[in-house]
Amino acid sequence: MRKAILVLTIMTGSALSIQAQTVVKHIQDDKAAIAKGVWAGDTFYLSGQLASPVKPADPAKGTQAEYGDTKVQAASVFAKIQAALQEQGLDMKDVVKMTVFLGPDPKTGKLDFAGMQSEYVKFFGTKEQPNKPARSAFQVAALAAPWALLEIEVIAVKSK
């Protein structure tokens, strides 16, 4: 009887350890310092996204790229997030957690939460896409890119 219990315990433990293993896949290229995102099982962790320029730099004219205010940058970031999720077979409805880092607006020295929120509501809590993620938003002293007014990272889960 003891032997049967021992065998059953070993078999159960082995089955549980097999189920506990999670497949991890890094979405990355050799040129970037960080992964674009990481799959851990059915969960996708998308690295922070920054805005694309609304007007690219022109070295011939000596002009810098222009990125716009928080609202303009937020529109760019949310579009980039949606595209990155779609590349992975996901969409905004699959986002379960969002973290927003807001840099100070150079004009006021404060975060422009309303500018970010005005774009957020176009992607979450709409009639077409009613899901809203859990979200945190923080003002930071600065972001890695000196022109950046916000950076957003998300976690999305592929529904079964």
C-alpha atoms as a PDB file:
ATOM      1  CA  MET A   1       0.000   0.000   0.000  1.00  0.00           C
ATOM      2  CA  ARG A   2       2.840   2.400   0.874  1.00  0.00           C
ATOM      3  CA  LYS A   3       4.468   1.637  -2.457  1.00  0.00           C
ATOM      4  CA  ALA A   4       1.239   2.424  -4.335  1.00  0.00           C
ATOM      5  CA  ILE A   5       0.879   5.746  -2.488  1.00  0.00           C
ATOM      6  CA  LEU A   6       4.501   6.630  -3.260  1.00  0.00           C
ATOM      7  CA  VAL A   7       4.039   5.841  -6.959  1.00  0.00           C
ATOM      8  CA  LEU A   8       0.817   7.868  -7.068  1.00  0.00           C
ATOM      9  CA  THR A   9       2.540  10.806  -5.339  1.00  0.00           C
ATOM     10  CA  ILE A  10       5.440  10.732  -7.811  1.00  0.00           C
ATOM     11  CA  MET A  11       3.087  10.517 -10.806  1.00  0.00           C
ATOM     12  CA  THR A  12       0.941  13.404  -9.539  1.00  0.00           C
ATOM     13  CA  GLY A  13       3.999  15.550  -8.848  1.00  0.00           C
ATOM     14  CA  SER A  14       5.377  14.840 -12.331  1.00  0.00           C
ATOM     15  CA  ALA A  15       2.082  15.736 -13.982  1.00  0.00           C
ATOM     16  CA  LEU A  16       1.889  19.016 -12.060  1.00  0.00           C
ATOM     17  CA  SER A  17       5.453  19.981 -12.951  1.00  0.00           C
ATOM     18  CA  ILE A  18       4.732  19.357 -16.635  1.00  0.00           C
ATOM     19  CA  GLN A  19       1.649  21.601 -16.484  1.00  0.00           C
ATOM     20  CA  ALA A  20       3.553  24.336 -14.634  1.00  0.00           C
ATOM     21  CA  GLN A  21       6.061  24.863 -17.447  1.00  0.00           C
ATOM     22  CA  THR A  22       5.409  28.018 -19.443  1.00  0.00           C
ATOM     23  CA  VAL A  23       6.608  28.599 -22.978  1.00  0.00           C
ATOM     24  CA  VAL A  24       8.459  31.926 -23.283  1.00  0.00           C
ATOM     25  CA  LYS A  25       9.103  33.594 -26.648  1.00  0.00           C
ATOM     26  CA  HIS A  26      11.008  36.863 -27.094  1.00  0.00           C
ATOM     27  CA  ILE A  27       9.934  39.105 -29.990  1.00  0.00           C
ATOM     28  CA  GLN A  28      13.161  40.911 -30.777  1.00  0.00           C
ATOM     29  CA  ASP A  29      15.731  41.830 -33.362  1.00  0.00           C
ATOM     30  CA  ASP A  30      19.493  42.193 -33.151  1.00  0.00           C
ATOM     31  CA  LYS A  31      19.391  45.984 -33.628  1.00  0.00           C
ATOM     32  CA  ALA A  32      17.321  46.838 -30.534  1.00  0.00           C
ATOM     33  CA  ALA A  33      18.616  46.848 -26.967  1.00  0.00           C
ATOM     34  CA  ILE A  34      15.344  45.404 -25.631  1.00  0.00           C
ATOM     35  CA  ALA A  35      12.691  42.976 -26.833  1.00  0.00           C
ATOM     36  CA  LYS A  36       9.686  44.507 -28.572  1.00  0.00           C
ATOM     37  CA  GLY A  37       7.655  42.154 -26.429  1.00  0.00           C
ATOM     38  CA  VAL A  38       7.713  38.810 -24.674  1.00  0.00           C
ATOM     39  CA  TRP A  39       5.188  35.997 -24.721  1.00  0.00           C
ATOM     40  CA  ALA A  40       4.908  33.985 -21.497  1.00  0.00           C
ATOM     41  CA  GLY A  41       2.281  31.354 -22.192  1.00  0.00           C
ATOM     42  CA  ASP A  42      -0.872  33.163 -23.361  1.00  0.00           C
ATOM     43  CA  THR A  43       0.309  36.493 -21.940  1.00  0.00           C
ATOM     44  CA  PHE A  44       2.085  39.103 -24.083  1.00  0.00           C
ATOM     45  CA  TYR A  45       4.179  41.819 -22.435  1.00  0.00           C
ATOM     46  CA  LEU A  46       4.667  44.735 -24.849  1.00  0.00           C
ATOM     47  CA  SER A  47       7.623  46.998 -24.090  1.00  0.00           C
ATOM     48  CA  GLY A  48       6.989  50.703 -23.625  1.00  0.00           C
ATOM     49  CA  GLN A  49       6.074  52.532 -26.812  1.00  0.00           C
ATOM     50  CA  LEU A  50       7.050  56.083 -27.717  1.00  0.00           C
ATOM     51  CA  ALA A  51       5.491  58.354 -30.336  1.00  0.00           C
ATOM     52  CA  SER A  52       6.640  58.507 -33.928  1.00  0.00           C
ATOM     53  CA  PRO A  53       7.456  61.973 -35.282  1.00  0.00           C
ATOM     54  CA  VAL A  54       4.647  63.936 -36.909  1.00  0.00           C
ATOM     55  CA  LYS A  55       7.316  65.760 -38.911  1.00  0.00           C
ATOM     56  CA  PRO A  56      10.640  63.968 -39.451  1.00  0.00           C
ATOM     57  CA  ALA A  57      13.971  65.710 -38.991  1.00  0.00           C
ATOM     58  CA  ASP A  58      15.491  67.273 -42.080  1.00  0.00           C
ATOM     59  CA  PRO A  59      19.291  67.202 -41.747  1.00  0.00           C
ATOM     60  CA  ALA A  60      19.688  69.170 -44.981  1.00  0.00           C
ATOM     61  CA  LYS A  61      17.687  72.055 -43.499  1.00  0.00           C
ATOM     62  CA  GLY A  62      18.993  71.462 -39.987  1.00  0.00           C
ATOM     63  CA  THR A  63      15.520  70.986 -38.515  1.00  0.00           C
ATOM     64  CA  GLN A  64      14.691  68.636 -35.654  1.00  0.00           C
ATOM     65  CA  ALA A  65      11.872  66.111 -35.755  1.00  0.00           C
ATOM     66  CA  GLU A  66       8.574  67.295 -34.292  1.00  0.00           C
ATOM     67  CA  TYR A  67       6.505  65.001 -32.071  1.00  0.00           C
ATOM     68  CA  GLY A  68       3.630  67.200 -30.974  1.00  0.00           C
ATOM     69  CA  ASP A  69       2.024  67.639 -27.586  1.00  0.00           C
ATOM     70  CA  THR A  70       0.823  64.884 -25.245  1.00  0.00           C
ATOM     71  CA  LYS A  71      -2.439  64.391 -27.153  1.00  0.00           C
ATOM     72  CA  VAL A  72      -0.637  64.031 -30.493  1.00  0.00           C
ATOM     73  CA  GLN A  73       1.966  61.707 -29.005  1.00  0.00           C
ATOM     74  CA  ALA A  74      -0.728  59.622 -27.293  1.00  0.00           C
ATOM     75  CA  ALA A  75      -2.541  59.142 -30.625  1.00  0.00           C
ATOM     76  CA  SER A  76       0.710  57.869 -32.147  1.00  0.00           C
ATOM     77  CA  VAL A  77       1.506  55.596 -29.195  1.00  0.00           C
ATOM     78  CA  PHE A  78      -1.955  54.003 -29.061  1.00  0.00           C
ATOM     79  CA  ALA A  79      -1.824  53.364 -32.829  1.00  0.00           C
ATOM     80  CA  LYS A  80       1.625  51.747 -32.412  1.00  0.00           C
ATOM     81  CA  ILE A  81       0.361  49.596 -29.549  1.00  0.00           C
ATOM     82  CA  GLN A  82      -2.601  48.431 -31.610  1.00  0.00           C
ATOM     83  CA  ALA A  83      -0.352  47.578 -34.580  1.00  0.00           C
ATOM     84  CA  ALA A  84       2.124  45.698 -32.365  1.00  0.00           C
ATOM     85  CA  LEU A  85      -0.692  43.708 -30.775  1.00  0.00           C
ATOM     86  CA  GLN A  86      -2.215  42.894 -34.170  1.00  0.00           C
ATOM     87  CA  GLU A  87       1.175  41.568 -35.347  1.00  0.00           C
ATOM     88  CA  GLN A  88       0.856  39.053 -32.504  1.00  0.00           C
ATOM     89  CA  GLY A  89      -2.759  38.102 -33.261  1.00  0.00           C
ATOM     90  CA  LEU A  90      -4.101  40.302 -30.459  1.00  0.00           C
ATOM     91  CA  ASP A  91      -6.020  43.563 -30.285  1.00  0.00           C
ATOM     92  CA  MET A  92      -6.847  46.299 -27.794  1.00  0.00           C
ATOM     93  CA  LYS A  93      -9.666  44.168 -26.355  1.00  0.00           C
ATOM     94  CA  ASP A  94      -6.997  41.750 -25.112  1.00  0.00           C
ATOM     95  CA  VAL A  95      -5.143  44.378 -23.038  1.00  0.00           C
ATOM     96  CA  VAL A  96      -5.533  43.577 -19.336  1.00  0.00           C
ATOM     97  CA  LYS A  97      -2.970  45.991 -17.820  1.00  0.00           C
ATOM     98  CA  MET A  98      -1.556  49.311 -18.961  1.00  0.00           C
ATOM     99  CA  THR A  99       1.132  51.469 -17.426  1.00  0.00           C
ATOM    100  CA  VAL A 100       1.425  55.070 -18.586  1.00  0.00           C
ATOM    101  CA  PHE A 101       4.516  57.160 -17.866  1.00  0.00           C
ATOM    102  CA  LEU A 102       3.892  60.861 -18.433  1.00  0.00           C
ATOM    103  CA  GLY A 103       6.689  63.386 -18.705  1.00  0.00           C
ATOM    104  CA  PRO A 104       6.076  67.026 -17.895  1.00  0.00           C
ATOM    105  CA  ASP A 105       4.707  69.234 -20.637  1.00  0.00           C
ATOM    106  CA  PRO A 106       7.441  71.815 -21.344  1.00  0.00           C
ATOM    107  CA  LYS A 107       4.819  74.602 -21.305  1.00  0.00           C
ATOM    108  CA  THR A 108       3.364  73.810 -17.864  1.00  0.00           C
ATOM    109  CA  GLY A 109       5.904  71.556 -16.153  1.00  0.00           C
ATOM    110  CA  LYS A 110       3.062  69.145 -15.326  1.00  0.00           C
ATOM    111  CA  LEU A 111       1.719  66.000 -16.899  1.00  0.00           C
ATOM    112  CA  ASP A 112      -1.085  66.393 -19.416  1.00  0.00           C
ATOM    113  CA  PHE A 113      -3.290  63.533 -18.248  1.00  0.00           C
ATOM    114  CA  ALA A 114      -6.296  64.936 -20.109  1.00  0.00           C
ATOM    115  CA  GLY A 115      -4.364  64.901 -23.406  1.00  0.00           C
ATOM    116  CA  MET A 116      -3.518  61.217 -22.938  1.00  0.00           C
ATOM    117  CA  GLN A 117      -7.030  60.343 -21.737  1.00  0.00           C
ATOM    118  CA  SER A 118      -8.651  62.004 -24.768  1.00  0.00           C
ATOM    119  CA  GLU A 119      -6.901  59.436 -26.990  1.00  0.00           C
ATOM    120  CA  TYR A 120      -7.259  56.488 -24.568  1.00  0.00           C
ATOM    121  CA  VAL A 121     -11.072  56.680 -24.735  1.00  0.00           C
ATOM    122  CA  LYS A 122     -10.934  56.167 -28.521  1.00  0.00           C
ATOM    123  CA  PHE A 123      -9.536  52.653 -27.974  1.00  0.00           C
ATOM    124  CA  PHE A 124     -11.031  51.498 -24.658  1.00  0.00           C
ATOM    125  CA  GLY A 125     -14.570  51.545 -23.293  1.00  0.00           C
ATOM    126  CA  THR A 126     -16.159  52.285 -26.664  1.00  0.00           C
ATOM    127  CA  LYS A 127     -19.296  50.756 -28.123  1.00  0.00           C
ATOM    128  CA  GLU A 128     -17.122  48.792 -30.582  1.00  0.00           C
ATOM    129  CA  GLN A 129     -14.509  47.812 -27.963  1.00  0.00           C
ATOM    130  CA  PRO A 130     -16.000  47.999 -24.453  1.00  0.00           C
ATOM    131  CA  ASN A 131     -13.095  46.366 -22.570  1.00  0.00           C
ATOM    132  CA  LYS A 132     -11.016  48.568 -20.287  1.00  0.00           C
ATOM    133  CA  PRO A 133      -7.687  47.454 -18.826  1.00  0.00           C
ATOM    134  CA  ALA A 134      -6.466  47.926 -15.296  1.00  0.00           C
ATOM    135  CA  ARG A 135      -4.265  51.026 -15.562  1.00  0.00           C
ATOM    136  CA  SER A 136      -1.703  53.043 -13.668  1.00  0.00           C
ATOM    137  CA  ALA A 137      -0.411  56.454 -14.731  1.00  0.00           C
ATOM    138  CA  PHE A 138       2.610  58.200 -13.280  1.00  0.00           C
ATOM    139  CA  GLN A 139       4.334  61.512 -13.798  1.00  0.00           C
ATOM    140  CA  VAL A 140       8.053  60.976 -14.246  1.00  0.00           C
ATOM    141  CA  ALA A 141      10.813  63.579 -14.227  1.00  0.00           C
ATOM    142  CA  ALA A 142      11.810  62.654 -17.784  1.00  0.00           C
ATOM    143  CA  LEU A 143      11.711  59.814 -20.267  1.00  0.00           C
ATOM    144  CA  ALA A 144      14.673  58.267 -22.094  1.00  0.00           C
ATOM    145  CA  ALA A 145      13.952  60.241 -25.272  1.00  0.00           C
ATOM    146  CA  PRO A 146      14.224  63.969 -24.455  1.00  0.00           C
ATOM    147  CA  TRP A 147      11.274  64.868 -26.692  1.00  0.00           C
ATOM    148  CA  ALA A 148       8.949  62.155 -25.288  1.00  0.00           C
ATOM    149  CA  LEU A 149       5.976  63.275 -23.237  1.00  0.00           C
ATOM    150  CA  LEU A 150       4.637  59.775 -22.601  1.00  0.00           C
ATOM    151  CA  GLU A 151       5.531  56.118 -22.827  1.00  0.00           C
ATOM    152  CA  ILE A 152       2.985  53.323 -22.527  1.00  0.00           C
ATOM    153  CA  GLU A 153       3.481  49.617 -21.923  1.00  0.00           C
ATOM    154  CA  VAL A 154       0.758  46.978 -21.926  1.00  0.00           C
ATOM    155  CA  ILE A 155       0.122  43.391 -20.973  1.00  0.00           C
ATOM    156  CA  ALA A 156      -2.346  41.486 -23.157  1.00  0.00           C
ATOM    157  CA  VAL A 157      -3.746  37.982 -22.781  1.00  0.00           C
ATOM    158  CA  LYS A 158      -4.858  35.793 -25.664  1.00  0.00           C
ATOM    159  CA  SER A 159      -8.375  34.581 -24.884  1.00  0.00           C
ATOM    160  CA  LYS A 160      -9.220  30.957 -25.396  1.00  0.00           C
END
